[in-house]
Amino acid sequence: MQAAAPEADCLSLIAASDGAAIASCTVDGDAEASYAPVLQQDGLFYVYVSGLAKHTGNLLRSRQGSLLFLGDAAGNPFARPRASVSCTVAEIGRDDPRYVELLDGLEHRFGKVIGLLRNLPDFRLLALTPIRYHYIAGFGQAYSFTANPNEPAPSD
């Protein structure tokens, strides 16, 4: 089944992005925003983040977070296309067979800096599995859908 136009547009916006704002929640319930480069592969999002960063601890503790991808404002920042993705979070350990392959993918996408970060013991590879997408295409154009376009969209 081919994705409907809003879903396809949302996924295109995400695919064109090299990074996302990350929303996480502290142990005290405070909201925290941050940023990281993001690799999208096989329907999942991967971030390679420092264990010293607050967002890493937040994501690993709560096992959930949200990614925000921004499109071009095209002269009107109020109508900027954007996609927010609610996700579950899991760590991919260094002994996982996918670990080296995913870091190679990150290095291919983001360059030699990943090679430097690989040697830092505090860096963690996190897999963010999409649950729900919320896509704003512009004024009066808001859409929600689950990670599987064949499932019914969640109610907000």
C-alpha atoms as a PDB file:
ATOM      1  CA  MET A   1       0.000   0.000   0.000  1.00  0.00           C
ATOM      2  CA  GLN A   2       1.364   3.394  -0.965  1.00  0.00           C
ATOM      3  CA  ALA A   3       1.438   6.032   1.784  1.00  0.00           C
ATOM      4  CA  ALA A   4      -1.072   8.885   1.551  1.00  0.00           C
ATOM      5  CA  ALA A   5       0.301  12.288   0.534  1.00  0.00           C
ATOM      6  CA  PRO A   6       0.675  13.782   4.052  1.00  0.00           C
ATOM      7  CA  GLU A   7       2.492  10.692   5.303  1.00  0.00           C
ATOM      8  CA  ALA A   8       4.755  10.667   2.256  1.00  0.00           C
ATOM      9  CA  ASP A   9       5.471  14.394   2.662  1.00  0.00           C
ATOM     10  CA  CYS A  10       6.241  13.882   6.349  1.00  0.00           C
ATOM     11  CA  LEU A  11       8.645  11.036   5.636  1.00  0.00           C
ATOM     12  CA  SER A  12      10.306  13.090   2.877  1.00  0.00           C
ATOM     13  CA  LEU A  13      10.851  16.000   5.267  1.00  0.00           C
ATOM     14  CA  ILE A  14      12.448  13.621   7.770  1.00  0.00           C
ATOM     15  CA  ALA A  15      14.628  11.940   5.136  1.00  0.00           C
ATOM     16  CA  ALA A  16      15.953  15.351   4.031  1.00  0.00           C
ATOM     17  CA  SER A  17      17.014  16.230   7.589  1.00  0.00           C
ATOM     18  CA  ASP A  18      20.427  15.435   9.024  1.00  0.00           C
ATOM     19  CA  GLY A  19      19.472  16.076  12.621  1.00  0.00           C
ATOM     20  CA  ALA A  20      16.599  16.688  14.991  1.00  0.00           C
ATOM     21  CA  ALA A  21      15.695  18.445  18.191  1.00  0.00           C
ATOM     22  CA  ILE A  22      15.262  15.895  20.964  1.00  0.00           C
ATOM     23  CA  ALA A  23      12.624  16.239  23.658  1.00  0.00           C
ATOM     24  CA  SER A  24      13.173  14.290  26.848  1.00  0.00           C
ATOM     25  CA  CYS A  25      12.015  14.445  30.431  1.00  0.00           C
ATOM     26  CA  THR A  26      14.198  14.730  33.524  1.00  0.00           C
ATOM     27  CA  VAL A  27      13.707  12.543  36.581  1.00  0.00           C
ATOM     28  CA  ASP A  28      11.894  15.512  38.190  1.00  0.00           C
ATOM     29  CA  GLY A  29       9.477  15.745  35.262  1.00  0.00           C
ATOM     30  CA  ASP A  30      11.034  18.840  33.708  1.00  0.00           C
ATOM     31  CA  ALA A  31      11.022  19.026  29.923  1.00  0.00           C
ATOM     32  CA  GLU A  32      14.417  19.246  28.275  1.00  0.00           C
ATOM     33  CA  ALA A  33      15.260  20.064  24.675  1.00  0.00           C
ATOM     34  CA  SER A  34      18.493  19.232  22.885  1.00  0.00           C
ATOM     35  CA  TYR A  35      19.799  18.364  19.435  1.00  0.00           C
ATOM     36  CA  ALA A  36      21.654  15.510  17.752  1.00  0.00           C
ATOM     37  CA  PRO A  37      22.503  14.337  14.266  1.00  0.00           C
ATOM     38  CA  VAL A  38      20.163  11.481  13.324  1.00  0.00           C
ATOM     39  CA  LEU A  39      20.640   8.463  11.078  1.00  0.00           C
ATOM     40  CA  GLN A  40      17.434   6.937   9.747  1.00  0.00           C
ATOM     41  CA  GLN A  41      17.705   3.317   8.671  1.00  0.00           C
ATOM     42  CA  ASP A  42      15.141   0.527   8.287  1.00  0.00           C
ATOM     43  CA  GLY A  43      12.379   2.601   9.862  1.00  0.00           C
ATOM     44  CA  LEU A  44      14.350   3.441  13.022  1.00  0.00           C
ATOM     45  CA  PHE A  45      16.265   6.532  14.092  1.00  0.00           C
ATOM     46  CA  TYR A  46      19.768   6.294  15.550  1.00  0.00           C
ATOM     47  CA  VAL A  47      21.659   8.879  17.579  1.00  0.00           C
ATOM     48  CA  TYR A  48      25.202   8.596  18.883  1.00  0.00           C
ATOM     49  CA  VAL A  49      25.271  10.703  22.027  1.00  0.00           C
ATOM     50  CA  SER A  50      27.509  11.335  24.989  1.00  0.00           C
ATOM     51  CA  GLY A  51      26.604   9.589  28.206  1.00  0.00           C
ATOM     52  CA  LEU A  52      27.554  12.858  29.908  1.00  0.00           C
ATOM     53  CA  ALA A  53      24.730  14.730  28.123  1.00  0.00           C
ATOM     54  CA  LYS A  54      21.525  15.199  30.107  1.00  0.00           C
ATOM     55  CA  HIS A  55      19.342  14.021  27.232  1.00  0.00           C
ATOM     56  CA  THR A  56      21.138  10.659  27.126  1.00  0.00           C
ATOM     57  CA  GLY A  57      20.343   9.913  30.755  1.00  0.00           C
ATOM     58  CA  ASN A  58      16.771  11.127  30.315  1.00  0.00           C
ATOM     59  CA  LEU A  59      16.178   8.932  27.271  1.00  0.00           C
ATOM     60  CA  LEU A  60      17.747   5.843  28.809  1.00  0.00           C
ATOM     61  CA  ARG A  61      15.876   6.261  32.089  1.00  0.00           C
ATOM     62  CA  SER A  62      12.402   6.880  30.653  1.00  0.00           C
ATOM     63  CA  ARG A  63      12.864   4.797  27.485  1.00  0.00           C
ATOM     64  CA  GLN A  64      10.882   7.385  25.545  1.00  0.00           C
ATOM     65  CA  GLY A  65      11.462  10.667  23.759  1.00  0.00           C
ATOM     66  CA  SER A  66      10.443  12.740  20.794  1.00  0.00           C
ATOM     67  CA  LEU A  67      12.278  13.979  17.718  1.00  0.00           C
ATOM     68  CA  LEU A  68      11.404  17.228  15.930  1.00  0.00           C
ATOM     69  CA  PHE A  69      12.393  17.708  12.304  1.00  0.00           C
ATOM     70  CA  LEU A  70      11.992  21.182  10.766  1.00  0.00           C
ATOM     71  CA  GLY A  71      11.386  22.040   7.130  1.00  0.00           C
ATOM     72  CA  ASP A  72      12.135  25.346   5.415  1.00  0.00           C
ATOM     73  CA  ALA A  73      10.182  28.314   6.789  1.00  0.00           C
ATOM     74  CA  ALA A  74       9.842  29.715   3.238  1.00  0.00           C
ATOM     75  CA  GLY A  75       9.389  33.245   4.563  1.00  0.00           C
ATOM     76  CA  ASN A  76       6.742  32.402   7.172  1.00  0.00           C
ATOM     77  CA  PRO A  77       8.034  30.804  10.382  1.00  0.00           C
ATOM     78  CA  PHE A  78       4.445  30.282  11.614  1.00  0.00           C
ATOM     79  CA  ALA A  79       3.696  27.960   8.700  1.00  0.00           C
ATOM     80  CA  ARG A  80       6.999  26.053   8.774  1.00  0.00           C
ATOM     81  CA  PRO A  81       6.517  22.378   7.910  1.00  0.00           C
ATOM     82  CA  ARG A  82       7.553  20.139  10.776  1.00  0.00           C
ATOM     83  CA  ALA A  83       7.368  16.553  11.888  1.00  0.00           C
ATOM     84  CA  SER A  84       7.345  15.379  15.475  1.00  0.00           C
ATOM     85  CA  VAL A  85       7.969  11.694  16.113  1.00  0.00           C
ATOM     86  CA  SER A  86       7.168  10.033  19.451  1.00  0.00           C
ATOM     87  CA  CYS A  87       9.559   7.148  20.045  1.00  0.00           C
ATOM     88  CA  THR A  88      10.579   4.405  22.384  1.00  0.00           C
ATOM     89  CA  VAL A  89      14.293   4.297  23.164  1.00  0.00           C
ATOM     90  CA  ALA A  90      16.725   1.403  23.493  1.00  0.00           C
ATOM     91  CA  GLU A  91      20.496   1.322  23.749  1.00  0.00           C
ATOM     92  CA  ILE A  92      22.495  -0.724  21.267  1.00  0.00           C
ATOM     93  CA  GLY A  93      25.461  -2.112  23.149  1.00  0.00           C
ATOM     94  CA  ARG A  94      28.975  -2.295  21.765  1.00  0.00           C
ATOM     95  CA  ASP A  95      28.676  -6.091  21.695  1.00  0.00           C
ATOM     96  CA  ASP A  96      25.531  -5.983  19.513  1.00  0.00           C
ATOM     97  CA  PRO A  97      26.231  -7.249  15.959  1.00  0.00           C
ATOM     98  CA  ARG A  98      24.565  -4.106  14.515  1.00  0.00           C
ATOM     99  CA  TYR A  99      26.766  -1.695  16.483  1.00  0.00           C
ATOM    100  CA  VAL A 100      29.734  -1.515  14.077  1.00  0.00           C
ATOM    101  CA  GLU A 101      27.489  -1.445  10.988  1.00  0.00           C
ATOM    102  CA  LEU A 102      25.414   1.417  12.397  1.00  0.00           C
ATOM    103  CA  LEU A 103      28.476   3.426  13.410  1.00  0.00           C
ATOM    104  CA  ASP A 104      29.845   2.897   9.906  1.00  0.00           C
ATOM    105  CA  GLY A 105      26.538   4.288   8.587  1.00  0.00           C
ATOM    106  CA  LEU A 106      26.807   7.279  10.901  1.00  0.00           C
ATOM    107  CA  GLU A 107      30.395   7.886   9.770  1.00  0.00           C
ATOM    108  CA  HIS A 108      29.383   7.633   6.122  1.00  0.00           C
ATOM    109  CA  ARG A 109      26.601  10.175   6.703  1.00  0.00           C
ATOM    110  CA  PHE A 110      28.358  12.577   9.094  1.00  0.00           C
ATOM    111  CA  GLY A 111      32.038  12.207   8.364  1.00  0.00           C
ATOM    112  CA  LYS A 112      35.228  11.526  10.236  1.00  0.00           C
ATOM    113  CA  VAL A 113      34.034  13.029  13.513  1.00  0.00           C
ATOM    114  CA  ILE A 114      32.255   9.725  14.198  1.00  0.00           C
ATOM    115  CA  GLY A 115      35.633   7.983  13.952  1.00  0.00           C
ATOM    116  CA  LEU A 116      36.910  10.253  16.720  1.00  0.00           C
ATOM    117  CA  LEU A 117      33.805   9.786  18.865  1.00  0.00           C
ATOM    118  CA  ARG A 118      34.013   5.990  18.550  1.00  0.00           C
ATOM    119  CA  ASN A 119      37.087   6.065  20.781  1.00  0.00           C
ATOM    120  CA  LEU A 120      35.327   7.945  23.587  1.00  0.00           C
ATOM    121  CA  PRO A 121      34.027   5.502  26.195  1.00  0.00           C
ATOM    122  CA  ASP A 122      31.047   7.631  27.243  1.00  0.00           C
ATOM    123  CA  PHE A 123      29.315   7.653  23.844  1.00  0.00           C
ATOM    124  CA  ARG A 124      26.132   5.605  23.515  1.00  0.00           C
ATOM    125  CA  LEU A 125      24.288   4.411  20.425  1.00  0.00           C
ATOM    126  CA  LEU A 126      20.543   4.777  20.876  1.00  0.00           C
ATOM    127  CA  ALA A 127      17.806   3.365  18.673  1.00  0.00           C
ATOM    128  CA  LEU A 128      14.582   5.362  18.621  1.00  0.00           C
ATOM    129  CA  THR A 129      11.617   3.371  17.373  1.00  0.00           C
ATOM    130  CA  PRO A 130       8.787   5.543  16.039  1.00  0.00           C
ATOM    131  CA  ILE A 131       5.358   5.077  17.573  1.00  0.00           C
ATOM    132  CA  ARG A 132       3.460   8.081  16.253  1.00  0.00           C
ATOM    133  CA  TYR A 133       4.108  10.879  13.785  1.00  0.00           C
ATOM    134  CA  HIS A 134       2.535  14.326  13.964  1.00  0.00           C
ATOM    135  CA  TYR A 135       3.048  16.343  10.792  1.00  0.00           C
ATOM    136  CA  ILE A 136       2.268  20.022  10.281  1.00  0.00           C
ATOM    137  CA  ALA A 137       2.329  20.848   6.581  1.00  0.00           C
ATOM    138  CA  GLY A 138       1.237  24.465   7.103  1.00  0.00           C
ATOM    139  CA  PHE A 139      -1.715  26.474   8.415  1.00  0.00           C
ATOM    140  CA  GLY A 140      -4.705  24.197   9.047  1.00  0.00           C
ATOM    141  CA  GLN A 141      -2.776  21.183   7.764  1.00  0.00           C
ATOM    142  CA  ALA A 142      -2.074  18.915  10.737  1.00  0.00           C
ATOM    143  CA  TYR A 143      -1.907  15.139  10.425  1.00  0.00           C
ATOM    144  CA  SER A 144      -1.205  12.282  12.833  1.00  0.00           C
ATOM    145  CA  PHE A 145      -0.397   8.714  11.920  1.00  0.00           C
ATOM    146  CA  THR A 146       1.159   5.680  13.514  1.00  0.00           C
ATOM    147  CA  ALA A 147       4.579   4.379  12.581  1.00  0.00           C
ATOM    148  CA  ASN A 148       2.869   1.806  10.380  1.00  0.00           C
ATOM    149  CA  PRO A 149       0.744   3.699   7.787  1.00  0.00           C
ATOM    150  CA  ASN A 150      -1.505   0.611   7.519  1.00  0.00           C
ATOM    151  CA  GLU A 151      -2.679   1.079  11.134  1.00  0.00           C
ATOM    152  CA  PRO A 152      -5.335   3.645  12.127  1.00  0.00           C
ATOM    153  CA  ALA A 153      -4.037   7.059  13.143  1.00  0.00           C
ATOM    154  CA  PRO A 154      -4.024   7.699  16.901  1.00  0.00           C
ATOM    155  CA  SER A 155      -6.504  10.145  18.334  1.00  0.00           C
ATOM    156  CA  ASP A 156      -4.934  13.235  19.888  1.00  0.00           C
END
